[in-house]
Amino acid sequence: MTALRVIVNILHIIFSLSIVVIVLMQSGKSAGLGSIAGGAETFFGKNKGKTIDAMLSKYTGFAAIAFLVTSLALYVLIANS
């Protein structure tokens, strides 16, 4: 039982750190709205940024769900010990 708890703890830490890193990699909602740089962006540049942000958003969702699952697993493992 303790080996399983150690493995779940390690996964929990990995998922929590990945959430922090992924969220920090995402651009802010106001990115690209500046008056000088806003007109310089092309159509393709805007789509590239949106697809990267969409991909990071999906990774954030996956990491958050995995974090929730490991949190519940840790709760169950600690409650049963």
PDB file of N, CA and C in Angstrom:
ATOM      1  N   MET A   1       0.821  -1.196   0.000  1.00  0.00           N
ATOM      2  CA  MET A   1       0.000   0.000   0.000  1.00  0.00           C
ATOM      3  C   MET A   1       0.863   1.257   0.000  1.00  0.00           C
ATOM      4  N   THR A   2       2.004   1.209   0.672  1.00  0.00           N
ATOM      5  CA  THR A   2       2.841   2.401   0.722  1.00  0.00           C
ATOM      6  C   THR A   2       3.519   2.660  -0.617  1.00  0.00           C
ATOM      7  N   ALA A   3       3.846   1.614  -1.363  1.00  0.00           N
ATOM      8  CA  ALA A   3       4.464   1.814  -2.680  1.00  0.00           C
ATOM      9  C   ALA A   3       3.478   2.485  -3.626  1.00  0.00           C
ATOM     10  N   LEU A   4       2.218   2.075  -3.547  1.00  0.00           N
ATOM     11  CA  LEU A   4       1.194   2.694  -4.388  1.00  0.00           C
ATOM     12  C   LEU A   4       1.009   4.162  -4.017  1.00  0.00           C
ATOM     13  N   ARG A   5       1.057   4.451  -2.732  1.00  0.00           N
ATOM     14  CA  ARG A   5       0.894   5.832  -2.279  1.00  0.00           C
ATOM     15  C   ARG A   5       2.069   6.702  -2.721  1.00  0.00           C
ATOM     16  N   VAL A   6       3.270   6.141  -2.733  1.00  0.00           N
ATOM     17  CA  VAL A   6       4.439   6.884  -3.199  1.00  0.00           C
ATOM     18  C   VAL A   6       4.322   7.176  -4.688  1.00  0.00           C
ATOM     19  N   ILE A   7       3.880   6.190  -5.460  1.00  0.00           N
ATOM     20  CA  ILE A   7       3.719   6.375  -6.904  1.00  0.00           C
ATOM     21  C   ILE A   7       2.666   7.437  -7.199  1.00  0.00           C
ATOM     22  N   VAL A   8       1.550   7.385  -6.495  1.00  0.00           N
ATOM     23  CA  VAL A   8       0.490   8.375  -6.712  1.00  0.00           C
ATOM     24  C   VAL A   8       0.957   9.761  -6.271  1.00  0.00           C
ATOM     25  N   ASN A   9       1.745   9.835  -5.198  1.00  0.00           N
ATOM     26  CA  ASN A   9       2.300  11.122  -4.759  1.00  0.00           C
ATOM     27  C   ASN A   9       3.220  11.711  -5.821  1.00  0.00           C
ATOM     28  N   ILE A  10       4.070  10.880  -6.397  1.00  0.00           N
ATOM     29  CA  ILE A  10       4.978  11.357  -7.438  1.00  0.00           C
ATOM     30  C   ILE A  10       4.192  11.854  -8.647  1.00  0.00           C
ATOM     31  N   LEU A  11       3.185  11.088  -9.068  1.00  0.00           N
ATOM     32  CA  LEU A  11       2.342  11.527 -10.191  1.00  0.00           C
ATOM     33  C   LEU A  11       1.626  12.833  -9.866  1.00  0.00           C
ATOM     34  N   HIS A  12       1.175  12.961  -8.635  1.00  0.00           N
ATOM     35  CA  HIS A  12       0.473  14.173  -8.197  1.00  0.00           C
ATOM     36  C   HIS A  12       1.385  15.398  -8.293  1.00  0.00           C
ATOM     37  N   ILE A  13       2.616  15.238  -7.869  1.00  0.00           N
ATOM     38  CA  ILE A  13       3.585  16.341  -7.945  1.00  0.00           C
ATOM     39  C   ILE A  13       3.891  16.679  -9.398  1.00  0.00           C
ATOM     40  N   ILE A  14       4.056  15.659 -10.235  1.00  0.00           N
ATOM     41  CA  ILE A  14       4.332  15.895 -11.660  1.00  0.00           C
ATOM     42  C   ILE A  14       3.185  16.649 -12.313  1.00  0.00           C
ATOM     43  N   PHE A  15       1.952  16.237 -12.032  1.00  0.00           N
ATOM     44  CA  PHE A  15       0.806  16.920 -12.637  1.00  0.00           C
ATOM     45  C   PHE A  15       0.655  18.343 -12.110  1.00  0.00           C
ATOM     46  N   SER A  16       0.942  18.563 -10.842  1.00  0.00           N
ATOM     47  CA  SER A  16       0.825  19.926 -10.312  1.00  0.00           C
ATOM     48  C   SER A  16       1.877  20.841 -10.931  1.00  0.00           C
ATOM     49  N   LEU A  17       3.091  20.360 -11.089  1.00  0.00           N
ATOM     50  CA  LEU A  17       4.125  21.173 -11.725  1.00  0.00           C
ATOM     51  C   LEU A  17       3.826  21.400 -13.207  1.00  0.00           C
ATOM     52  N   SER A  18       3.249  20.392 -13.857  1.00  0.00           N
ATOM     53  CA  SER A  18       2.915  20.569 -15.276  1.00  0.00           C
ATOM     54  C   SER A  18       1.812  21.604 -15.461  1.00  0.00           C
ATOM     55  N   ILE A  19       0.866  21.662 -14.542  1.00  0.00           N
ATOM     56  CA  ILE A  19      -0.180  22.692 -14.628  1.00  0.00           C
ATOM     57  C   ILE A  19       0.451  24.079 -14.526  1.00  0.00           C
ATOM     58  N   VAL A  20       1.367  24.245 -13.602  1.00  0.00           N
ATOM     59  CA  VAL A  20       2.023  25.544 -13.423  1.00  0.00           C
ATOM     60  C   VAL A  20       2.784  25.927 -14.686  1.00  0.00           C
ATOM     61  N   VAL A  21       3.561  24.999 -15.236  1.00  0.00           N
ATOM     62  CA  VAL A  21       4.371  25.290 -16.415  1.00  0.00           C
ATOM     63  C   VAL A  21       3.493  25.586 -17.627  1.00  0.00           C
ATOM     64  N   ILE A  22       2.459  24.785 -17.835  1.00  0.00           N
ATOM     65  CA  ILE A  22       1.593  24.979 -19.002  1.00  0.00           C
ATOM     66  C   ILE A  22       0.860  26.306 -18.922  1.00  0.00           C
ATOM     67  N   VAL A  23       0.375  26.663 -17.750  1.00  0.00           N
ATOM     68  CA  VAL A  23      -0.340  27.934 -17.602  1.00  0.00           C
ATOM     69  C   VAL A  23       0.605  29.105 -17.826  1.00  0.00           C
ATOM     70  N   LEU A  24       1.843  28.990 -17.367  1.00  0.00           N
ATOM     71  CA  LEU A  24       2.799  30.070 -17.585  1.00  0.00           C
ATOM     72  C   LEU A  24       3.212  30.189 -19.045  1.00  0.00           C
ATOM     73  N   MET A  25       3.135  29.104 -19.802  1.00  0.00           N
ATOM     74  CA  MET A  25       3.488  29.141 -21.218  1.00  0.00           C
ATOM     75  C   MET A  25       2.399  29.783 -22.080  1.00  0.00           C
ATOM     76  N   GLN A  26       1.168  29.812 -21.575  1.00  0.00           N
ATOM     77  CA  GLN A  26       0.064  30.380 -22.349  1.00  0.00           C
ATOM     78  C   GLN A  26       0.191  31.895 -22.412  1.00  0.00           C
ATOM     79  N   SER A  27      -0.239  32.447 -23.544  1.00  0.00           N
ATOM     80  CA  SER A  27      -0.219  33.900 -23.667  1.00  0.00           C
ATOM     81  C   SER A  27      -1.452  34.479 -22.992  1.00  0.00           C
ATOM     82  N   GLY A  28      -1.345  35.719 -22.581  1.00  0.00           N
ATOM     83  CA  GLY A  28      -2.461  36.368 -21.916  1.00  0.00           C
ATOM     84  C   GLY A  28      -3.591  36.678 -22.887  1.00  0.00           C
ATOM     85  N   LYS A  29      -4.753  36.973 -22.356  1.00  0.00           N
ATOM     86  CA  LYS A  29      -5.909  37.278 -23.201  1.00  0.00           C
ATOM     87  C   LYS A  29      -5.741  38.599 -23.933  1.00  0.00           C
ATOM     88  N   SER A  30      -4.918  39.488 -23.410  1.00  0.00           N
ATOM     89  CA  SER A  30      -4.735  40.789 -24.055  1.00  0.00           C
ATOM     90  C   SER A  30      -3.509  40.807 -24.963  1.00  0.00           C
ATOM     91  N   ALA A  31      -2.908  39.665 -25.231  1.00  0.00           N
ATOM     92  CA  ALA A  31      -1.724  39.615 -26.078  1.00  0.00           C
ATOM     93  C   ALA A  31      -2.100  39.967 -27.512  1.00  0.00           C
ATOM     94  N   GLY A  32      -1.313  40.800 -28.151  1.00  0.00           N
ATOM     95  CA  GLY A  32      -1.555  41.163 -29.541  1.00  0.00           C
ATOM     96  C   GLY A  32      -2.544  42.291 -29.734  1.00  0.00           C
ATOM     97  N   LEU A  33      -2.958  42.951 -28.678  1.00  0.00           N
ATOM     98  CA  LEU A  33      -3.924  44.033 -28.815  1.00  0.00           C
ATOM     99  C   LEU A  33      -3.263  45.409 -28.822  1.00  0.00           C
ATOM    100  N   GLY A  34      -1.943  45.421 -28.814  1.00  0.00           N
ATOM    101  CA  GLY A  34      -1.235  46.702 -28.825  1.00  0.00           C
ATOM    102  C   GLY A  34      -1.445  47.437 -30.139  1.00  0.00           C
ATOM    103  N   SER A  35      -1.375  48.779 -30.099  1.00  0.00           N
ATOM    104  CA  SER A  35      -1.650  49.563 -31.297  1.00  0.00           C
ATOM    105  C   SER A  35      -0.515  49.466 -32.318  1.00  0.00           C
ATOM    106  N   ILE A  36       0.708  49.276 -31.869  1.00  0.00           N
ATOM    107  CA  ILE A  36       1.838  49.213 -32.797  1.00  0.00           C
ATOM    108  C   ILE A  36       1.974  47.819 -33.383  1.00  0.00           C
ATOM    109  N   ALA A  37       2.006  46.803 -32.543  1.00  0.00           N
ATOM    110  CA  ALA A  37       2.229  45.438 -33.024  1.00  0.00           C
ATOM    111  C   ALA A  37       0.959  44.808 -33.580  1.00  0.00           C
ATOM    112  N   GLY A  38      -0.184  45.328 -33.242  1.00  0.00           N
ATOM    113  CA  GLY A  38      -1.435  44.724 -33.691  1.00  0.00           C
ATOM    114  C   GLY A  38      -1.615  44.758 -35.187  1.00  0.00           C
ATOM    115  N   GLY A  39      -1.204  45.843 -35.838  1.00  0.00           N
ATOM    116  CA  GLY A  39      -1.352  45.932 -37.276  1.00  0.00           C
ATOM    117  C   GLY A  39      -0.300  45.168 -38.040  1.00  0.00           C
ATOM    118  N   ALA A  40       0.791  44.816 -37.399  1.00  0.00           N
ATOM    119  CA  ALA A  40       1.881  44.125 -38.081  1.00  0.00           C
ATOM    120  C   ALA A  40       1.648  42.633 -38.203  1.00  0.00           C
ATOM    121  N   GLU A  41       0.726  42.081 -37.433  1.00  0.00           N
ATOM    122  CA  GLU A  41       0.491  40.648 -37.498  1.00  0.00           C
ATOM    123  C   GLU A  41      -0.270  40.285 -38.766  1.00  0.00           C
ATOM    124  N   THR A  42       0.108  39.177 -39.351  1.00  0.00           N
ATOM    125  CA  THR A  42      -0.585  38.706 -40.541  1.00  0.00           C
ATOM    126  C   THR A  42      -1.663  37.716 -40.150  1.00  0.00           C
ATOM    127  N   PHE A  43      -2.424  37.308 -41.136  1.00  0.00           N
ATOM    128  CA  PHE A  43      -3.486  36.334 -40.891  1.00  0.00           C
ATOM    129  C   PHE A  43      -2.911  35.018 -40.399  1.00  0.00           C
ATOM    130  N   PHE A  44      -1.813  34.587 -40.984  1.00  0.00           N
ATOM    131  CA  PHE A  44      -1.228  33.306 -40.610  1.00  0.00           C
ATOM    132  C   PHE A  44      -0.620  33.362 -39.214  1.00  0.00           C
ATOM    133  N   GLY A  45      -0.053  34.478 -38.842  1.00  0.00           N
ATOM    134  CA  GLY A  45       0.517  34.619 -37.508  1.00  0.00           C
ATOM    135  C   GLY A  45      -0.535  34.523 -36.424  1.00  0.00           C
ATOM    136  N   LYS A  46      -1.701  35.088 -36.674  1.00  0.00           N
ATOM    137  CA  LYS A  46      -2.778  35.021 -35.690  1.00  0.00           C
ATOM    138  C   LYS A  46      -3.279  33.589 -35.538  1.00  0.00           C
ATOM    139  N   ASN A  47      -3.430  32.869 -36.640  1.00  0.00           N
ATOM    140  CA  ASN A  47      -3.909  31.488 -36.556  1.00  0.00           C
ATOM    141  C   ASN A  47      -2.896  30.588 -35.871  1.00  0.00           C
ATOM    142  N   LYS A  48      -1.626  30.833 -36.101  1.00  0.00           N
ATOM    143  CA  LYS A  48      -0.597  30.026 -35.456  1.00  0.00           C
ATOM    144  C   LYS A  48      -0.666  30.199 -33.943  1.00  0.00           C
ATOM    145  N   GLY A  49      -0.830  31.422 -33.479  1.00  0.00           N
ATOM    146  CA  GLY A  49      -0.935  31.670 -32.053  1.00  0.00           C
ATOM    147  C   GLY A  49      -2.164  31.040 -31.437  1.00  0.00           C
ATOM    148  N   LYS A  50      -3.260  31.057 -32.160  1.00  0.00           N
ATOM    149  CA  LYS A  50      -4.490  30.473 -31.631  1.00  0.00           C
ATOM    150  C   LYS A  50      -4.377  28.960 -31.537  1.00  0.00           C
ATOM    151  N   THR A  51      -3.716  28.332 -32.487  1.00  0.00           N
ATOM    152  CA  THR A  51      -3.598  26.887 -32.420  1.00  0.00           C
ATOM    153  C   THR A  51      -2.665  26.459 -31.293  1.00  0.00           C
ATOM    154  N   ILE A  52      -1.602  27.222 -31.061  1.00  0.00           N
ATOM    155  CA  ILE A  52      -0.718  26.902 -29.945  1.00  0.00           C
ATOM    156  C   ILE A  52      -1.450  27.113 -28.624  1.00  0.00           C
ATOM    157  N   ASP A  53      -2.206  28.193 -28.516  1.00  0.00           N
ATOM    158  CA  ASP A  53      -2.979  28.426 -27.302  1.00  0.00           C
ATOM    159  C   ASP A  53      -4.047  27.358 -27.110  1.00  0.00           C
ATOM    160  N   ALA A  54      -4.656  26.906 -28.198  1.00  0.00           N
ATOM    161  CA  ALA A  54      -5.664  25.849 -28.099  1.00  0.00           C
ATOM    162  C   ALA A  54      -5.027  24.546 -27.633  1.00  0.00           C
ATOM    163  N   MET A  55      -3.846  24.247 -28.144  1.00  0.00           N
ATOM    164  CA  MET A  55      -3.136  23.038 -27.741  1.00  0.00           C
ATOM    165  C   MET A  55      -2.755  23.111 -26.258  1.00  0.00           C
ATOM    166  N   LEU A  56      -2.245  24.256 -25.822  1.00  0.00           N
ATOM    167  CA  LEU A  56      -1.888  24.412 -24.410  1.00  0.00           C
ATOM    168  C   LEU A  56      -3.122  24.354 -23.517  1.00  0.00           C
ATOM    169  N   SER A  57      -4.233  24.843 -24.020  1.00  0.00           N
ATOM    170  CA  SER A  57      -5.475  24.769 -23.256  1.00  0.00           C
ATOM    171  C   SER A  57      -5.924  23.322 -23.066  1.00  0.00           C
ATOM    172  N   LYS A  58      -5.779  22.516 -24.113  1.00  0.00           N
ATOM    173  CA  LYS A  58      -6.127  21.092 -24.001  1.00  0.00           C
ATOM    174  C   LYS A  58      -5.208  20.391 -23.017  1.00  0.00           C
ATOM    175  N   TYR A  59      -3.907  20.717 -23.058  1.00  0.00           N
ATOM    176  CA  TYR A  59      -2.964  20.123 -22.114  1.00  0.00           C
ATOM    177  C   TYR A  59      -3.282  20.545 -20.686  1.00  0.00           C
ATOM    178  N   THR A  60      -3.704  21.773 -20.505  1.00  0.00           N
ATOM    179  CA  THR A  60      -4.078  22.246 -19.175  1.00  0.00           C
ATOM    180  C   THR A  60      -5.276  21.467 -18.647  1.00  0.00           C
ATOM    181  N   GLY A  61      -6.257  21.241 -19.509  1.00  0.00           N
ATOM    182  CA  GLY A  61      -7.429  20.465 -19.111  1.00  0.00           C
ATOM    183  C   GLY A  61      -7.068  19.035 -18.733  1.00  0.00           C
ATOM    184  N   PHE A  62      -6.204  18.411 -19.533  1.00  0.00           N
ATOM    185  CA  PHE A  62      -5.772  17.050 -19.221  1.00  0.00           C
ATOM    186  C   PHE A  62      -5.025  17.000 -17.902  1.00  0.00           C
ATOM    187  N   ALA A  63      -4.108  17.936 -17.697  1.00  0.00           N
ATOM    188  CA  ALA A  63      -3.332  17.954 -16.455  1.00  0.00           C
ATOM    189  C   ALA A  63      -4.226  18.226 -15.250  1.00  0.00           C
ATOM    190  N   ALA A  64      -5.232  19.076 -15.416  1.00  0.00           N
ATOM    191  CA  ALA A  64      -6.143  19.376 -14.309  1.00  0.00           C
ATOM    192  C   ALA A  64      -6.986  18.156 -13.947  1.00  0.00           C
ATOM    193  N   ILE A  65      -7.454  17.432 -14.957  1.00  0.00           N
ATOM    194  CA  ILE A  65      -8.240  16.217 -14.684  1.00  0.00           C
ATOM    195  C   ILE A  65      -7.364  15.162 -14.015  1.00  0.00           C
ATOM    196  N   ALA A  66      -6.136  15.001 -14.509  1.00  0.00           N
ATOM    197  CA  ALA A  66      -5.221  14.038 -13.903  1.00  0.00           C
ATOM    198  C   ALA A  66      -4.884  14.435 -12.469  1.00  0.00           C
ATOM    199  N   PHE A  67      -4.727  15.732 -12.221  1.00  0.00           N
ATOM    200  CA  PHE A  67      -4.473  16.219 -10.863  1.00  0.00           C
ATOM    201  C   PHE A  67      -5.644  15.897  -9.948  1.00  0.00           C
ATOM    202  N   LEU A  68      -6.868  16.074 -10.450  1.00  0.00           N
ATOM    203  CA  LEU A  68      -8.057  15.759  -9.665  1.00  0.00           C
ATOM    204  C   LEU A  68      -8.127  14.268  -9.352  1.00  0.00           C
ATOM    205  N   VAL A  69      -7.824  13.442 -10.340  1.00  0.00           N
ATOM    206  CA  VAL A  69      -7.873  11.990 -10.132  1.00  0.00           C
ATOM    207  C   VAL A  69      -6.827  11.555  -9.109  1.00  0.00           C
ATOM    208  N   THR A  70      -5.614  12.101  -9.211  1.00  0.00           N
ATOM    209  CA  THR A  70      -4.593  11.726  -8.231  1.00  0.00           C
ATOM    210  C   THR A  70      -4.925  12.269  -6.840  1.00  0.00           C
ATOM    211  N   SER A  71      -5.590  13.414  -6.770  1.00  0.00           N
ATOM    212  CA  SER A  71      -6.014  13.941  -5.470  1.00  0.00           C
ATOM    213  C   SER A  71      -7.027  13.006  -4.817  1.00  0.00           C
ATOM    214  N   LEU A  72      -7.987  12.548  -5.607  1.00  0.00           N
ATOM    215  CA  LEU A  72      -8.986  11.611  -5.074  1.00  0.00           C
ATOM    216  C   LEU A  72      -8.348  10.283  -4.697  1.00  0.00           C
ATOM    217  N   ALA A  73      -7.398   9.817  -5.516  1.00  0.00           N
ATOM    218  CA  ALA A  73      -6.717   8.557  -5.198  1.00  0.00           C
ATOM    219  C   ALA A  73      -5.924   8.683  -3.907  1.00  0.00           C
ATOM    220  N   LEU A  74      -5.255   9.801  -3.706  1.00  0.00           N
ATOM    221  CA  LEU A  74      -4.521  10.010  -2.460  1.00  0.00           C
ATOM    222  C   LEU A  74      -5.459  10.066  -1.260  1.00  0.00           C
ATOM    223  N   TYR A  75      -6.601  10.692  -1.441  1.00  0.00           N
ATOM    224  CA  TYR A  75      -7.584  10.755  -0.357  1.00  0.00           C
ATOM    225  C   TYR A  75      -8.049   9.356   0.034  1.00  0.00           C
ATOM    226  N   VAL A  76      -8.338   8.541  -0.966  1.00  0.00           N
ATOM    227  CA  VAL A  76      -8.805   7.184  -0.697  1.00  0.00           C
ATOM    228  C   VAL A  76      -7.695   6.350  -0.054  1.00  0.00           C
ATOM    229  N   LEU A  77      -6.469   6.497  -0.558  1.00  0.00           N
ATOM    230  CA  LEU A  77      -5.361   5.717   0.002  1.00  0.00           C
ATOM    231  C   LEU A  77      -5.056   6.121   1.443  1.00  0.00           C
ATOM    232  N   ILE A  78      -5.141   7.400   1.741  1.00  0.00           N
ATOM    233  CA  ILE A  78      -4.867   7.847   3.104  1.00  0.00           C
ATOM    234  C   ILE A  78      -6.014   7.464   4.046  1.00  0.00           C
ATOM    235  N   ALA A  79      -7.248   7.539   3.551  1.00  0.00           N
ATOM    236  CA  ALA A  79      -8.394   7.196   4.387  1.00  0.00           C
ATOM    237  C   ALA A  79      -8.429   5.698   4.731  1.00  0.00           C
ATOM    238  N   ASN A  80      -7.939   4.879   3.819  1.00  0.00           N
ATOM    239  CA  ASN A  80      -7.974   3.426   4.073  1.00  0.00           C
ATOM    240  C   ASN A  80      -6.779   2.928   4.853  1.00  0.00           C
ATOM    241  N   SER A  81      -5.798   3.778   5.131  1.00  0.00           N
ATOM    242  CA  SER A  81      -4.624   3.284   5.867  1.00  0.00           C
ATOM    243  C   SER A  81      -4.755   3.481   7.360  1.00  0.00           C
TER     244      SER A  81
END
